């Protein structure tokens, strides 16, 4: 969650399977500059916290933060 703009950023496995991309496109057209990513089920709660505004500001995921190294 970008605390300045309110945008939600997703990081996940890039979908390249044509059948999976076609299924995603059935629900919402994929723009020329867009990508489809898969998030593991554990991310559902984290995404919903961001959507609902109940996330802990400044909380980071596991591992080193690339912008702070």
Protein backbone atom coordinates (compact mmCIF):
# COMPACT_ATOMS: atom_id res chain seq x y z
CA UNK A 1 0.00 0.00 0.00
CA UNK A 2 1.49 3.33 -1.03
CA UNK A 3 0.84 5.50 1.99
CA UNK A 4 1.16 8.71 -0.03
CA UNK A 5 -1.19 7.91 -2.93
CA UNK A 6 -3.37 5.10 -1.57
CA UNK A 7 -2.43 2.90 -4.53
CA UNK A 8 -2.17 -0.83 -3.93
CA UNK A 9 0.85 -2.51 -5.48
CA UNK A 10 0.93 -6.24 -6.14
CA UNK A 11 3.97 -8.44 -6.35
CA UNK A 12 3.49 -12.06 -7.31
CA UNK A 13 4.18 -14.77 -9.82
CA UNK A 14 3.78 -13.49 -13.40
CA UNK A 15 1.07 -15.38 -15.28
CA UNK A 16 2.26 -16.50 -18.71
CA UNK A 17 -0.03 -19.46 -19.39
CA UNK A 18 -2.24 -18.51 -22.38
CA UNK A 19 -5.29 -20.30 -20.95
CA UNK A 20 -4.98 -18.52 -17.60
CA UNK A 21 -4.52 -15.16 -19.32
CA UNK A 22 -7.57 -15.81 -21.48
CA UNK A 23 -9.60 -16.66 -18.36
CA UNK A 24 -8.49 -13.43 -16.66
CA UNK A 25 -9.31 -11.43 -19.80
CA UNK A 26 -12.84 -12.87 -19.80
CA UNK A 27 -13.48 -11.00 -16.55
CA UNK A 28 -11.58 -7.81 -17.34
CA UNK A 29 -9.67 -6.86 -20.49
CA UNK A 30 -5.90 -6.80 -19.98
CA UNK A 31 -4.45 -3.50 -21.18
CA UNK A 32 -1.32 -3.36 -23.31
CA UNK A 33 0.73 -2.03 -20.39
CA UNK A 34 -0.80 -4.38 -17.78
CA UNK A 35 0.31 -7.72 -16.38
CA UNK A 36 -1.52 -10.46 -14.54
CA UNK A 37 0.10 -11.78 -11.36
CA UNK A 38 -0.89 -14.60 -9.00
CA UNK A 39 -0.81 -14.04 -5.28
CA UNK A 40 -0.72 -16.94 -2.80
CA UNK A 41 -3.83 -17.43 -0.64
CA UNK A 42 -1.99 -16.10 2.42
CA UNK A 43 -2.00 -12.66 0.75
CA UNK A 44 -5.80 -12.41 0.85
CA UNK A 45 -5.88 -11.14 4.43
CA UNK A 46 -3.07 -8.66 3.75
CA UNK A 47 -4.80 -7.30 0.64
CA UNK A 48 -8.09 -6.99 2.50
CA UNK A 49 -6.34 -5.04 5.28
CA UNK A 50 -5.12 -2.58 2.65
CA UNK A 51 -8.56 -2.32 1.04
CA UNK A 52 -10.30 -1.81 4.38
CA UNK A 53 -7.70 0.63 5.69
CA UNK A 54 -6.91 -1.57 8.70
CA UNK A 55 -3.31 -2.31 7.71
CA UNK A 56 -0.46 -1.37 10.00
CA UNK A 57 1.30 1.63 8.42
CA UNK A 58 4.95 0.98 7.71
CA UNK A 59 4.72 -2.77 8.18
CA UNK A 60 7.09 -4.65 5.88
CA UNK A 61 7.08 -8.21 4.68
CA UNK A 62 9.82 -10.69 5.49
CA UNK A 63 13.29 -10.24 4.13
CA UNK A 64 15.35 -7.16 3.40
CA UNK A 65 13.64 -4.10 1.99
CA UNK A 66 15.38 -3.27 -1.34
CA UNK A 67 14.93 0.49 -0.98
CA UNK A 68 16.54 0.49 2.45
CA UNK A 69 19.63 -1.65 1.73
